[in-house]
Amino acid sequence: MKKLLLLLLIPLTLLVFACGEAKPTPTLYSPITLTPAATTMDPTELTMVVAAQHDEFGSYLTDSEGMTLYVYTTDDKNLSKCISTCPLLWPPLRTVAGPSAGKGVTADLLGTITRIDGSMQVTYNGRPLYYFSNDDKPGDTGGHNNVNKWFVVTPDGEPYGIP
């Protein structure tokens, strides 16, 4: 009788554990699909920063191809805290020879920092600049106000919408 009871309890126990509710894994970001364009850009071709116009934001910073640039409000001045897997979602605006100022951009506000991987990242007003990997085309601003830490950049070098 005990053997029969054990034989019935084992599958029942396994069934209870298998059907139990799974707890969701907390994430900081909504699920995304990484786009090849944002993660494989050649830094020698993307060193110009320009000011573009947007219906919602007005004047904001982009690269020479019109891809939106962002700042991470957690970064310190001239120091990127976007490390480890963060650059997969927020690829840095990298350069080899240094950045150049395009239309509407103040050249004196452009600079560079050296990232922990040794690459050079473009800064504006001391803020490291990034792309959002889910922006597919020029003018996309899908990364704006992401987790209340990532923002489109104004030509003054400030995050849009932050007083």
Protein backbone atom coordinates (compact mmCIF):
# COMPACT_ATOMS: atom_id res chain seq x y z
CA MET A 1 0.00 0.00 0.00
CA LYS A 2 2.85 2.41 0.85
CA LYS A 3 4.54 1.63 -2.45
CA LEU A 4 1.33 2.37 -4.34
CA LEU A 5 0.90 5.63 -2.48
CA LEU A 6 4.49 6.64 -3.25
CA LEU A 7 4.04 5.73 -6.90
CA LEU A 8 1.00 8.00 -7.04
CA LEU A 9 2.59 10.86 -5.09
CA ILE A 10 5.75 11.14 -7.18
CA PRO A 11 3.99 11.96 -10.48
CA LEU A 12 1.54 14.20 -8.65
CA THR A 13 4.41 16.12 -7.01
CA LEU A 14 6.18 16.51 -10.34
CA LEU A 15 2.96 17.72 -11.94
CA VAL A 16 2.45 20.35 -9.24
CA PHE A 17 6.00 21.67 -9.63
CA ALA A 18 5.85 21.57 -13.42
CA CYS A 19 2.57 23.49 -13.52
CA GLY A 20 3.46 26.00 -10.83
CA GLU A 21 3.48 29.66 -11.75
CA ALA A 22 6.80 30.90 -13.03
CA LYS A 23 7.92 34.16 -11.53
CA PRO A 24 8.80 36.77 -14.14
CA THR A 25 12.42 37.81 -14.38
CA PRO A 26 12.71 41.53 -13.69
CA THR A 27 14.25 43.55 -16.50
CA LEU A 28 15.28 47.16 -16.89
CA TYR A 29 14.37 47.38 -20.54
CA SER A 30 11.52 46.18 -22.64
CA PRO A 31 12.40 43.33 -25.03
CA ILE A 32 14.07 44.53 -28.22
CA THR A 33 15.55 43.22 -31.38
CA LEU A 34 19.07 44.44 -31.99
CA THR A 35 19.42 45.94 -35.43
CA PRO A 36 22.63 45.35 -37.35
CA ALA A 37 22.81 49.00 -38.43
CA ALA A 38 23.16 50.29 -34.89
CA THR A 39 25.64 47.70 -33.71
CA THR A 40 28.09 47.46 -36.62
CA MET A 41 28.60 51.08 -37.64
CA ASP A 42 32.07 52.01 -38.84
CA PRO A 43 33.41 54.66 -36.45
CA THR A 44 35.42 56.37 -39.18
CA GLU A 45 32.20 57.31 -40.97
CA LEU A 46 30.19 58.46 -37.95
CA THR A 47 32.21 61.18 -36.34
CA MET A 48 30.12 64.17 -37.43
CA VAL A 49 27.44 65.37 -35.05
CA VAL A 50 24.66 67.57 -36.45
CA ALA A 51 21.50 69.21 -35.17
CA ALA A 52 18.31 67.96 -36.83
CA GLN A 53 14.67 68.94 -36.39
CA HIS A 54 11.99 66.74 -34.87
CA ASP A 55 8.25 67.41 -34.57
CA GLU A 56 8.21 66.61 -30.85
CA PHE A 57 11.69 67.63 -29.69
CA GLY A 58 12.55 70.53 -31.95
CA SER A 59 16.30 70.69 -32.49
CA TYR A 60 18.22 67.60 -31.34
CA LEU A 61 21.53 65.86 -32.06
CA THR A 62 22.07 63.13 -34.65
CA ASP A 63 25.00 61.63 -36.48
CA SER A 64 25.72 62.59 -40.09
CA GLU A 65 23.24 59.94 -41.29
CA GLY A 66 20.40 61.38 -39.19
CA MET A 67 20.44 58.63 -36.52
CA THR A 68 19.36 60.00 -33.14
CA LEU A 69 21.95 60.41 -30.40
CA TYR A 70 21.18 59.94 -26.70
CA VAL A 71 22.71 60.67 -23.31
CA TYR A 72 22.58 58.44 -20.25
CA THR A 73 21.84 60.59 -17.20
CA THR A 74 23.64 58.12 -14.93
CA ASP A 75 26.97 58.85 -16.66
CA ASP A 76 29.42 61.18 -14.97
CA LYS A 77 30.96 64.05 -16.92
CA ASN A 78 33.43 62.55 -19.40
CA LEU A 79 32.85 59.02 -18.06
CA SER A 80 30.60 56.33 -19.51
CA LYS A 81 28.87 54.01 -17.08
CA CYS A 82 27.32 52.05 -19.96
CA ILE A 83 29.55 48.98 -19.79
CA SER A 84 29.23 45.19 -19.88
CA THR A 85 26.12 44.34 -21.95
CA CYS A 86 24.74 47.91 -21.94
CA PRO A 87 26.49 48.85 -25.23
CA LEU A 88 24.54 46.09 -27.01
CA LEU A 89 21.37 48.08 -26.44
CA TRP A 90 23.03 51.52 -26.39
CA PRO A 91 25.99 51.47 -28.81
CA PRO A 92 28.38 54.36 -28.16
CA LEU A 93 29.04 56.94 -30.87
CA ARG A 94 32.65 55.96 -31.55
CA THR A 95 35.34 57.75 -33.47
CA VAL A 96 38.87 57.06 -34.59
CA ALA A 97 40.14 60.49 -35.64
CA GLY A 98 37.89 62.66 -33.46
CA PRO A 99 34.46 64.23 -33.93
CA SER A 100 33.52 67.13 -36.16
CA ALA A 101 30.73 69.66 -35.72
CA GLY A 102 28.06 69.77 -38.37
CA LYS A 103 25.20 72.21 -38.83
CA GLY A 104 23.80 73.55 -35.54
CA VAL A 105 26.47 71.98 -33.33
CA THR A 106 28.94 73.93 -31.18
CA ALA A 107 32.41 72.58 -31.99
CA ASP A 108 33.79 73.55 -28.55
CA LEU A 109 31.28 71.21 -26.88
CA LEU A 110 32.52 68.15 -28.81
CA GLY A 111 35.10 65.90 -27.21
CA THR A 112 36.07 62.29 -26.68
CA ILE A 113 36.66 59.83 -23.88
CA THR A 114 38.46 56.51 -23.89
CA ARG A 115 36.14 53.61 -23.04
CA ILE A 116 37.24 50.67 -20.92
CA ASP A 117 37.67 48.61 -24.12
CA GLY A 118 40.16 51.21 -25.42
CA SER A 119 37.86 52.67 -28.09
CA MET A 120 37.17 56.40 -28.34
CA GLN A 121 33.62 57.63 -27.69
CA VAL A 122 32.29 61.04 -28.74
CA THR A 123 31.04 63.38 -26.00
CA TYR A 124 29.02 66.58 -26.19
CA ASN A 125 29.25 69.06 -23.34
CA GLY A 126 31.06 66.29 -21.43
CA ARG A 127 28.22 63.79 -21.92
CA PRO A 128 29.02 60.53 -23.74
CA LEU A 129 26.78 60.03 -26.79
CA TYR A 130 24.97 56.80 -27.71
CA TYR A 131 22.62 55.28 -30.25
CA PHE A 132 19.57 53.21 -29.36
CA SER A 133 19.84 49.85 -31.10
CA ASN A 134 16.10 49.69 -31.78
CA ASP A 135 16.09 52.91 -33.83
CA ASP A 136 15.87 51.63 -37.39
CA LYS A 137 15.97 54.78 -39.49
CA PRO A 138 16.91 58.45 -39.34
CA GLY A 139 14.49 60.39 -37.14
CA ASP A 140 13.54 57.42 -34.93
CA THR A 141 13.59 58.39 -31.25
CA GLY A 142 12.48 55.14 -29.61
CA GLY A 143 15.08 55.37 -26.85
CA HIS A 144 13.90 58.72 -25.49
CA ASN A 145 12.99 58.64 -21.80
CA ASN A 146 13.83 54.93 -21.59
CA VAL A 147 13.68 53.96 -17.90
CA ASN A 148 13.80 57.69 -17.16
CA LYS A 149 17.58 57.64 -17.77
CA TRP A 150 18.12 57.83 -21.54
CA PHE A 151 17.23 61.01 -23.41
CA VAL A 152 17.52 62.73 -26.77
CA VAL A 153 20.22 65.44 -26.64
CA THR A 154 19.58 69.14 -27.24
CA PRO A 155 22.13 71.32 -29.11
CA ASP A 156 23.06 72.73 -25.67
CA GLY A 157 24.21 69.23 -24.69
CA GLU A 158 21.41 68.64 -22.21
CA PRO A 159 18.92 65.75 -22.08
CA TYR A 160 15.64 66.85 -23.66
CA GLY A 161 12.88 67.38 -21.12
CA ILE A 162 15.11 67.46 -18.02
CA PRO A 163 15.10 70.89 -16.31
